[in-house]
Amino acid sequence: MSVDTVLIAALAALGGLVAASIYGLFSSAIRKRVTIRSPEAQSIEQMVPAVNALIEANGPMMQGIIAILEAQKGECNGNVDAALKVNREAKKKFDRYLVSQAKVV
């Protein structure tokens, strides 16, 4: 392998890196300036808080279901009381979310 071959390979690799960098700068500049304003994107954006509220409520609901099933098996060791407390707090939080979303601004 000669020095010329190594030099050509290094220049080719450098050219590829330069081309990739230019493409990356160009595409990121376009992404910053171009936004998609479709009705679907707006709908998805509006659903984000609702999905987050449901995700937060899911854990307490699962804890309540587990406590119910354990109680049906005869395991009453405070798990039902703990699940009731957690579910009541989750319901209050979810109700606050619903009221805040229902308000006309």
Protein backbone atom coordinates (compact mmCIF):
# COMPACT_ATOMS: atom_id res chain seq x y z
CA MET A 1 0.00 0.00 0.00
CA SER A 2 1.54 3.23 -1.09
CA VAL A 3 1.42 6.65 0.48
CA ASP A 4 -0.69 7.91 -2.43
CA THR A 5 -3.37 5.28 -1.75
CA VAL A 6 -3.51 6.15 1.94
CA LEU A 7 -3.68 9.85 1.14
CA ILE A 8 -6.52 9.33 -1.34
CA ALA A 9 -8.44 7.21 1.19
CA ALA A 10 -7.97 9.85 3.89
CA LEU A 11 -9.15 12.62 1.56
CA ALA A 12 -12.18 10.54 0.55
CA ALA A 13 -13.08 9.96 4.19
CA LEU A 14 -12.63 13.65 4.96
CA GLY A 15 -14.82 14.56 1.98
CA GLY A 16 -17.53 12.20 3.24
CA LEU A 17 -17.39 13.78 6.68
CA VAL A 18 -17.64 17.27 5.23
CA ALA A 19 -20.61 16.26 3.05
CA ALA A 20 -22.39 14.65 6.01
CA SER A 21 -21.76 17.73 8.15
CA ILE A 22 -23.15 20.06 5.50
CA TYR A 23 -26.23 17.86 5.14
CA GLY A 24 -26.73 17.80 8.92
CA LEU A 25 -26.48 21.58 9.21
CA PHE A 26 -28.84 22.06 6.27
CA SER A 27 -31.46 19.63 7.57
CA SER A 28 -31.38 21.01 11.13
CA ALA A 29 -31.72 24.57 9.80
CA ILE A 30 -34.78 23.54 7.79
CA ARG A 31 -36.34 21.69 10.76
CA LYS A 32 -36.02 24.81 12.91
CA ARG A 33 -37.80 26.97 10.34
CA VAL A 34 -40.43 24.60 8.94
CA THR A 35 -43.29 23.49 11.14
CA ILE A 36 -46.13 21.21 10.21
CA ARG A 37 -49.45 22.83 10.95
CA SER A 38 -51.77 20.01 10.06
CA PRO A 39 -55.04 19.39 11.91
CA GLU A 40 -53.69 16.01 13.02
CA ALA A 41 -50.61 17.57 14.62
CA GLN A 42 -52.81 20.08 16.44
CA SER A 43 -55.11 17.29 17.67
CA ILE A 44 -52.18 15.25 18.93
CA GLU A 45 -50.80 18.31 20.71
CA GLN A 46 -54.14 18.85 22.45
CA MET A 47 -54.31 15.20 23.57
CA VAL A 48 -50.92 15.20 25.32
CA PRO A 49 -52.21 16.53 28.69
CA ALA A 50 -55.12 14.06 28.69
CA VAL A 51 -52.84 11.11 27.97
CA ASN A 52 -50.44 12.23 30.71
CA ALA A 53 -53.35 12.50 33.19
CA LEU A 54 -54.53 9.00 32.29
CA ILE A 55 -51.04 7.59 32.65
CA GLU A 56 -50.73 9.12 36.12
CA ALA A 57 -54.10 7.64 37.13
CA ASN A 58 -53.24 4.17 35.82
CA GLY A 59 -50.88 3.23 38.68
CA PRO A 60 -53.39 3.89 41.46
CA MET A 61 -56.10 2.04 39.52
CA MET A 62 -53.86 -0.99 39.19
CA GLN A 63 -53.04 -0.84 42.90
CA GLY A 64 -56.78 -0.80 43.63
CA ILE A 65 -57.41 -3.81 41.39
CA ILE A 66 -54.60 -5.73 43.06
CA ALA A 67 -56.00 -4.88 46.51
CA ILE A 68 -59.47 -6.07 45.47
CA LEU A 69 -58.09 -9.34 44.17
CA GLU A 70 -55.97 -9.85 47.29
CA ALA A 71 -58.99 -9.14 49.50
CA GLN A 72 -61.00 -11.72 47.56
CA LYS A 73 -58.26 -14.24 48.32
CA GLY A 74 -58.48 -13.31 52.00
CA GLU A 75 -55.37 -11.14 52.26
CA CYS A 76 -56.52 -8.14 54.31
CA ASN A 77 -53.34 -6.57 55.64
CA GLY A 78 -54.06 -2.90 55.10
CA ASN A 79 -53.70 -3.19 51.36
CA VAL A 80 -57.31 -2.17 50.73
CA ASP A 81 -57.00 0.91 52.96
CA ALA A 82 -53.77 1.93 51.21
CA ALA A 83 -55.33 1.42 47.78
CA LEU A 84 -58.40 3.45 48.80
CA LYS A 85 -56.21 6.33 49.95
CA VAL A 86 -54.10 6.31 46.77
CA ASN A 87 -57.17 6.03 44.52
CA ARG A 88 -58.97 8.87 46.29
CA GLU A 89 -55.94 11.13 45.79
CA ALA A 90 -55.64 10.11 42.15
CA LYS A 91 -59.34 10.81 41.61
CA LYS A 92 -59.02 14.27 43.14
CA LYS A 93 -56.04 15.02 40.93
CA PHE A 94 -57.82 13.73 37.81
CA ASP A 95 -60.95 15.71 38.69
CA ARG A 96 -58.84 18.87 39.02
CA TYR A 97 -57.42 18.15 35.57
CA LEU A 98 -60.90 17.68 34.09
CA VAL A 99 -62.16 20.93 35.62
CA SER A 100 -59.11 22.82 34.37
CA GLN A 101 -59.67 21.50 30.84
CA ALA A 102 -63.39 22.27 30.90
CA LYS A 103 -62.90 25.93 31.80
CA VAL A 104 -63.52 28.39 29.01
CA VAL A 105 -60.59 30.72 28.59
